[in-house]
Amino acid sequence: MCVRFDFHVRCQPMRHSVQPVALTIAGSDSGGGAGIQADLKTLAALGVFGTSAITCVTAQNPRGVFALRAVQPALVAGQMEAVFSELRPQAVKTGMLFNRAIIAAVVDAWPTRNAPPLVVDPVMVATSGARLLQADAIRVMKRDLLPLATLITPNVDEAVVLLGRPVRQFADLILAAAELHRRFGCAVLLKGGHLRGEAEARDVFIKGSTQLIFSAPFVRGVDTHGTGCTYAAAITAFLARGIPLTQAVEQAKQHVTQAIAGSVRVGRHTALNPFWSPRTLARRRTGR
């Protein structure tokens, strides 16, 4: 038996809404929880058209990274140039860059005039412990990439590598953020979620003479794989929408906290939910 379905569409001149564009330059996470996948989900959730330049392909899942292959630097640059030529982004973020050649390619492909805001998440080590930035690439990142940034978003472990000194308590976090700001001349969001003994996830933001602390309660029982990617991508999305940097960081902190609180069950794991909504969170709290 053949069943026919007829769909009727009213043909009228279409009025297209304008959507801002953002570019993420990062590695691919086959498990979908971090990297390019987390970035594109976050950008979409926040009303931004996401484009990408993939730097590495990984075989990974929430348990770990099992294999990794870097993309040829010329292809990374080619992806950037293809996006900039037709879909010029209003904001850009970098994530996993892996080696010095890829960092150099990104720097060389970066526009010298009318460059958009750049958020650099200096991804060095995965949540599982896998190294995501080669040791000899750190110097190139510090020398050539970080000075181009509008904002850098290191966590505690990354700040230790960038500064070469320990960060053990919240007072150290404040001093480290100020030193990063002085060294690289860009705004800094130093994330304190990895500090031990803290009752809340507190982050230090410094831009010029402005110093702010953003805090949120820890959400227990959730695998936070991909939190840094989601946080930086949310900042990038808000910048692409024309929101000033300080407000973009504040709104991104709220977004990532709610994405953790609204996490979903995926197989045997939990995953952040960038598409959270107040309604779904209310249902979870009431059990309805």
Protein backbone atom coordinates (compact mmCIF):
# COMPACT_ATOMS: atom_id res chain seq x y z
CA MET A 1 0.00 0.00 0.00
CA CYS A 2 1.30 3.41 -0.94
CA VAL A 3 0.42 6.35 1.28
CA ARG A 4 0.74 9.86 -0.06
CA PHE A 5 1.48 12.88 2.09
CA ASP A 6 0.92 16.33 0.64
CA PHE A 7 2.59 19.29 2.33
CA HIS A 8 1.35 22.74 1.52
CA VAL A 9 3.62 25.71 1.95
CA ARG A 10 2.62 29.31 1.47
CA CYS A 11 5.18 30.74 -0.92
CA GLN A 12 6.03 34.26 0.16
CA PRO A 13 9.20 36.31 -0.04
CA MET A 14 11.25 35.14 2.96
CA ARG A 15 12.57 37.63 5.48
CA HIS A 16 15.82 36.25 6.82
CA SER A 17 16.88 37.04 10.36
CA VAL A 18 20.51 38.03 10.79
CA GLN A 19 22.58 35.70 12.95
CA PRO A 20 26.07 36.60 14.19
CA VAL A 21 28.97 34.32 13.30
CA ALA A 22 31.68 32.93 15.57
CA LEU A 23 34.68 30.77 14.70
CA THR A 24 36.14 28.08 16.93
CA ILE A 25 39.66 26.82 16.23
CA ALA A 26 40.03 23.62 18.23
CA GLY A 27 40.27 19.85 18.28
CA SER A 28 37.50 17.36 17.59
CA ASP A 29 36.21 15.24 20.50
CA SER A 30 34.64 12.05 19.19
CA GLY A 31 32.78 11.70 22.49
CA GLY A 32 31.01 15.01 21.88
CA GLY A 33 31.62 16.45 25.34
CA ALA A 34 34.43 18.93 24.66
CA GLY A 35 36.33 20.55 21.83
CA ILE A 36 34.70 21.56 18.57
CA GLN A 37 31.54 19.62 19.41
CA ALA A 38 30.99 21.39 22.73
CA ASP A 39 31.81 24.74 21.15
CA LEU A 40 29.33 24.40 18.29
CA LYS A 41 26.56 23.22 20.61
CA THR A 42 27.16 26.19 22.90
CA LEU A 43 27.24 28.70 20.06
CA ALA A 44 23.99 27.30 18.66
CA ALA A 45 22.33 27.33 22.07
CA LEU A 46 23.17 31.03 22.42
CA GLY A 47 21.90 32.06 19.01
CA VAL A 48 25.20 32.26 17.14
CA PHE A 49 26.13 30.59 13.85
CA GLY A 50 29.17 28.46 14.59
CA THR A 51 32.00 27.86 12.13
CA SER A 52 35.12 25.83 12.78
CA ALA A 53 38.75 25.16 11.98
CA ILE A 54 39.69 21.71 13.26
CA THR A 55 43.24 21.39 14.57
CA CYS A 56 43.30 17.77 15.73
CA VAL A 57 41.19 14.66 15.50
CA THR A 58 40.97 12.62 18.69
CA ALA A 59 39.59 9.22 19.58
CA GLN A 60 38.11 9.93 23.00
CA ASN A 61 35.14 9.47 25.26
CA PRO A 62 34.44 10.54 28.85
CA ARG A 63 36.97 8.00 30.12
CA GLY A 64 39.96 9.33 28.22
CA VAL A 65 41.84 10.20 25.04
CA PHE A 66 42.98 7.04 23.23
CA ALA A 67 44.45 8.43 20.01
CA LEU A 68 45.24 11.80 18.48
CA ARG A 69 46.24 13.03 15.05
CA ALA A 70 47.13 16.64 14.32
CA VAL A 71 45.79 18.32 11.18
CA GLN A 72 48.37 19.76 8.80
CA PRO A 73 49.01 23.41 9.75
CA ALA A 74 48.34 24.60 6.18
CA LEU A 75 44.89 23.02 6.35
CA VAL A 76 44.17 24.72 9.68
CA ALA A 77 45.07 28.04 8.09
CA GLY A 78 43.02 27.15 5.03
CA GLN A 79 39.95 26.52 7.16
CA MET A 80 40.38 29.90 8.84
CA GLU A 81 40.82 31.70 5.53
CA ALA A 82 37.76 30.00 4.03
CA VAL A 83 35.62 31.13 6.96
CA PHE A 84 36.97 34.69 7.05
CA SER A 85 36.49 35.14 3.29
CA GLU A 86 32.73 34.47 3.25
CA LEU A 87 31.47 34.17 6.84
CA ARG A 88 33.56 36.76 8.63
CA PRO A 89 33.17 36.01 12.36
CA GLN A 90 32.25 38.62 14.93
CA ALA A 91 34.29 36.70 17.53
CA VAL A 92 36.81 33.83 17.55
CA LYS A 93 38.02 31.36 20.14
CA THR A 94 40.88 28.91 20.19
CA GLY A 95 40.98 25.68 22.12
CA MET A 96 43.28 22.71 21.60
CA LEU A 97 46.11 23.72 19.25
CA PHE A 98 48.50 20.87 20.19
CA ASN A 99 51.80 21.87 18.57
CA ARG A 100 53.95 24.86 17.71
CA ALA A 101 53.37 24.53 13.94
CA ILE A 102 49.59 24.81 14.35
CA ILE A 103 49.95 27.80 16.68
CA ALA A 104 52.22 29.48 14.12
CA ALA A 105 49.69 28.78 11.35
CA VAL A 106 46.88 30.32 13.39
CA VAL A 107 48.97 33.41 14.16
CA ASP A 108 50.02 33.81 10.51
CA ALA A 109 46.40 33.48 9.31
CA TRP A 110 45.10 35.97 11.88
CA PRO A 111 43.87 39.20 10.24
CA THR A 112 46.16 42.18 10.70
CA ARG A 113 43.34 44.73 10.34
CA ASN A 114 39.85 44.85 11.84
CA ALA A 115 40.46 41.63 13.76
CA PRO A 116 37.50 40.36 15.81
CA PRO A 117 37.73 39.70 19.55
CA LEU A 118 39.82 36.62 20.25
CA VAL A 119 39.24 34.34 23.25
CA VAL A 120 42.17 32.01 23.89
CA ASP A 121 41.50 28.96 26.03
CA PRO A 122 45.07 27.66 26.49
CA VAL A 123 44.11 23.99 26.51
CA MET A 124 47.03 21.96 27.80
CA VAL A 125 45.70 18.88 29.58
CA ALA A 126 42.40 17.01 29.24
CA THR A 127 40.20 16.33 32.25
CA SER A 128 41.33 12.69 31.96
CA GLY A 129 44.98 13.77 32.23
CA ALA A 130 45.98 13.40 28.57
CA ARG A 131 48.43 16.07 27.38
CA LEU A 132 46.85 18.25 24.69
CA LEU A 133 49.68 20.74 24.11
CA GLN A 134 53.23 19.69 23.38
CA ALA A 135 55.85 21.10 25.74
CA ASP A 136 57.77 22.98 23.05
CA ALA A 137 54.57 24.72 21.92
CA ILE A 138 54.10 26.57 25.22
CA ARG A 139 56.81 29.12 24.45
CA VAL A 140 55.29 29.86 21.02
CA MET A 141 51.85 30.25 22.54
CA LYS A 142 53.14 32.70 25.15
CA ARG A 143 55.24 34.68 22.69
CA ASP A 144 52.98 34.84 19.63
CA LEU A 145 49.36 33.92 20.41
CA LEU A 146 48.48 35.24 23.85
CA PRO A 147 49.44 38.84 22.98
CA LEU A 148 46.80 38.74 20.20
CA ALA A 149 44.06 37.74 22.62
CA THR A 150 41.24 39.90 23.88
CA LEU A 151 40.80 37.44 26.75
CA ILE A 152 42.60 34.33 27.96
CA THR A 153 40.77 31.74 30.09
CA PRO A 154 43.30 29.45 31.80
CA ASN A 155 42.43 27.15 34.67
CA VAL A 156 44.69 26.76 37.70
CA ASP A 157 46.91 24.07 36.17
CA GLU A 158 47.39 26.09 32.99
CA ALA A 159 48.22 29.22 34.98
CA VAL A 160 50.92 27.26 36.81
CA VAL A 161 52.50 26.30 33.47
CA LEU A 162 52.22 29.82 32.02
CA LEU A 163 53.72 31.47 35.10
CA GLY A 164 56.07 28.75 36.34
CA ARG A 165 54.94 29.02 39.95
CA PRO A 166 52.36 27.27 42.16
CA VAL A 167 48.79 28.45 42.67
CA ARG A 168 47.53 26.77 45.82
CA GLN A 169 44.87 29.04 47.32
CA PHE A 170 42.51 31.79 46.29
CA ALA A 171 44.94 34.58 47.21
CA ASP A 172 47.44 32.99 44.81
CA LEU A 173 44.74 32.95 42.13
CA ILE A 174 44.26 36.72 42.37
CA LEU A 175 48.00 37.39 42.17
CA ALA A 176 48.38 34.97 39.25
CA ALA A 177 45.57 36.64 37.29
CA ALA A 178 47.20 40.03 37.79
CA GLU A 179 50.58 38.70 36.64
CA LEU A 180 49.07 37.10 33.51
CA HIS A 181 47.37 40.39 32.70
CA ARG A 182 50.65 42.25 33.10
CA ARG A 183 52.68 39.80 31.03
CA PHE A 184 50.38 39.39 28.06
CA GLY A 185 48.50 42.68 27.98
CA CYS A 186 45.05 41.14 27.59
CA ALA A 187 42.08 40.59 29.86
CA VAL A 188 42.30 37.45 32.00
CA LEU A 189 39.67 35.07 33.34
CA LEU A 190 41.51 32.72 35.71
CA LYS A 191 39.20 29.86 36.65
CA GLY A 192 39.46 28.58 40.19
CA GLY A 193 37.33 25.46 39.97
CA HIS A 194 40.39 23.21 40.42
CA LEU A 195 41.48 24.82 43.70
CA ARG A 196 41.25 22.40 46.58
CA GLY A 197 39.19 23.12 49.67
CA GLU A 198 37.01 25.79 48.06
CA ALA A 199 33.28 25.90 48.85
CA GLU A 200 32.45 27.57 45.54
CA ALA A 201 33.82 27.73 42.01
CA ARG A 202 35.39 31.20 42.04
CA ASP A 203 36.97 32.84 38.99
CA VAL A 204 39.03 36.03 38.86
CA PHE A 205 38.49 38.43 35.97
CA ILE A 206 40.90 41.31 35.31
CA LYS A 207 40.64 43.89 32.56
CA GLY A 208 42.67 47.06 33.01
CA SER A 209 41.81 48.49 36.41
CA THR A 210 38.70 46.28 36.70
CA GLN A 211 38.96 43.23 38.93
CA LEU A 212 35.91 41.05 39.50
CA ILE A 213 35.23 37.73 41.16
CA PHE A 214 32.57 35.47 39.70
CA SER A 215 31.39 32.68 41.98
CA ALA A 216 28.89 29.87 41.74
CA PRO A 217 28.18 26.82 43.90
CA PHE A 218 29.68 23.49 42.89
CA VAL A 219 27.17 21.10 41.34
CA ARG A 220 27.90 17.68 42.79
CA GLY A 221 27.61 14.37 40.99
CA VAL A 222 28.18 15.74 37.46
CA ASP A 223 31.04 14.88 35.10
CA THR A 224 32.35 18.33 34.18
CA HIS A 225 34.25 17.19 31.06
CA GLY A 226 34.09 20.09 28.60
CA THR A 227 33.35 22.83 31.11
CA GLY A 228 36.28 25.00 30.02
CA CYS A 229 35.32 24.68 26.34
CA THR A 230 31.71 25.52 27.08
CA TYR A 231 32.67 28.51 29.23
CA ALA A 232 35.01 30.02 26.62
CA ALA A 233 32.57 29.29 23.79
CA ALA A 234 29.78 31.04 25.71
CA ILE A 235 31.96 34.12 26.17
CA THR A 236 32.70 34.03 22.44
CA ALA A 237 29.01 33.76 21.62
CA PHE A 238 28.11 36.77 23.74
CA LEU A 239 30.96 38.79 22.21
CA ALA A 240 29.72 37.85 18.73
CA ARG A 241 26.32 39.21 19.74
CA GLY A 242 27.92 42.55 20.57
CA ILE A 243 27.87 42.25 24.35
CA PRO A 244 30.80 44.01 26.10
CA LEU A 245 33.51 41.74 27.47
CA THR A 246 32.79 42.10 31.19
CA GLN A 247 29.09 41.36 30.72
CA ALA A 248 29.93 38.54 28.31
CA VAL A 249 32.06 36.84 30.98
CA GLU A 250 29.37 37.33 33.62
CA GLN A 251 26.64 35.87 31.40
CA ALA A 252 28.90 33.01 30.33
CA LYS A 253 29.54 32.11 33.98
CA GLN A 254 25.79 31.91 34.52
CA HIS A 255 25.37 29.85 31.36
CA VAL A 256 28.02 27.25 32.16
CA THR A 257 26.77 26.90 35.74
CA GLN A 258 23.25 26.23 34.48
CA ALA A 259 24.59 23.85 31.81
CA ILE A 260 26.18 21.82 34.61
CA ALA A 261 23.05 21.99 36.79
CA GLY A 262 20.91 20.96 33.82
CA SER A 263 23.20 18.09 32.79
CA VAL A 264 21.77 15.09 31.00
CA ARG A 265 22.41 11.38 31.19
CA VAL A 266 24.24 10.00 28.14
CA GLY A 267 24.91 6.29 28.26
CA ARG A 268 26.68 5.64 31.57
CA HIS A 269 27.84 9.23 31.89
CA THR A 270 26.54 12.71 32.53
CA ALA A 271 27.08 15.51 30.03
CA LEU A 272 26.73 19.26 30.21
CA ASN A 273 23.58 20.58 28.60
CA PRO A 274 24.22 23.88 26.78
CA PHE A 275 20.56 23.88 25.71
CA TRP A 276 19.31 24.15 29.30
CA SER A 277 16.31 26.32 29.94
CA PRO A 278 14.72 27.69 33.14
CA ARG A 279 11.76 25.39 32.51
CA THR A 280 13.85 22.21 32.37
CA LEU A 281 15.78 23.21 35.50
CA ALA A 282 12.54 23.93 37.36
CA ARG A 283 11.20 20.51 36.39
CA ARG A 284 14.36 18.84 37.65
CA ARG A 285 14.16 20.61 41.02
CA THR A 286 10.48 19.74 41.54
CA GLY A 287 10.72 16.24 40.06
CA ARG A 288 7.90 16.95 37.63
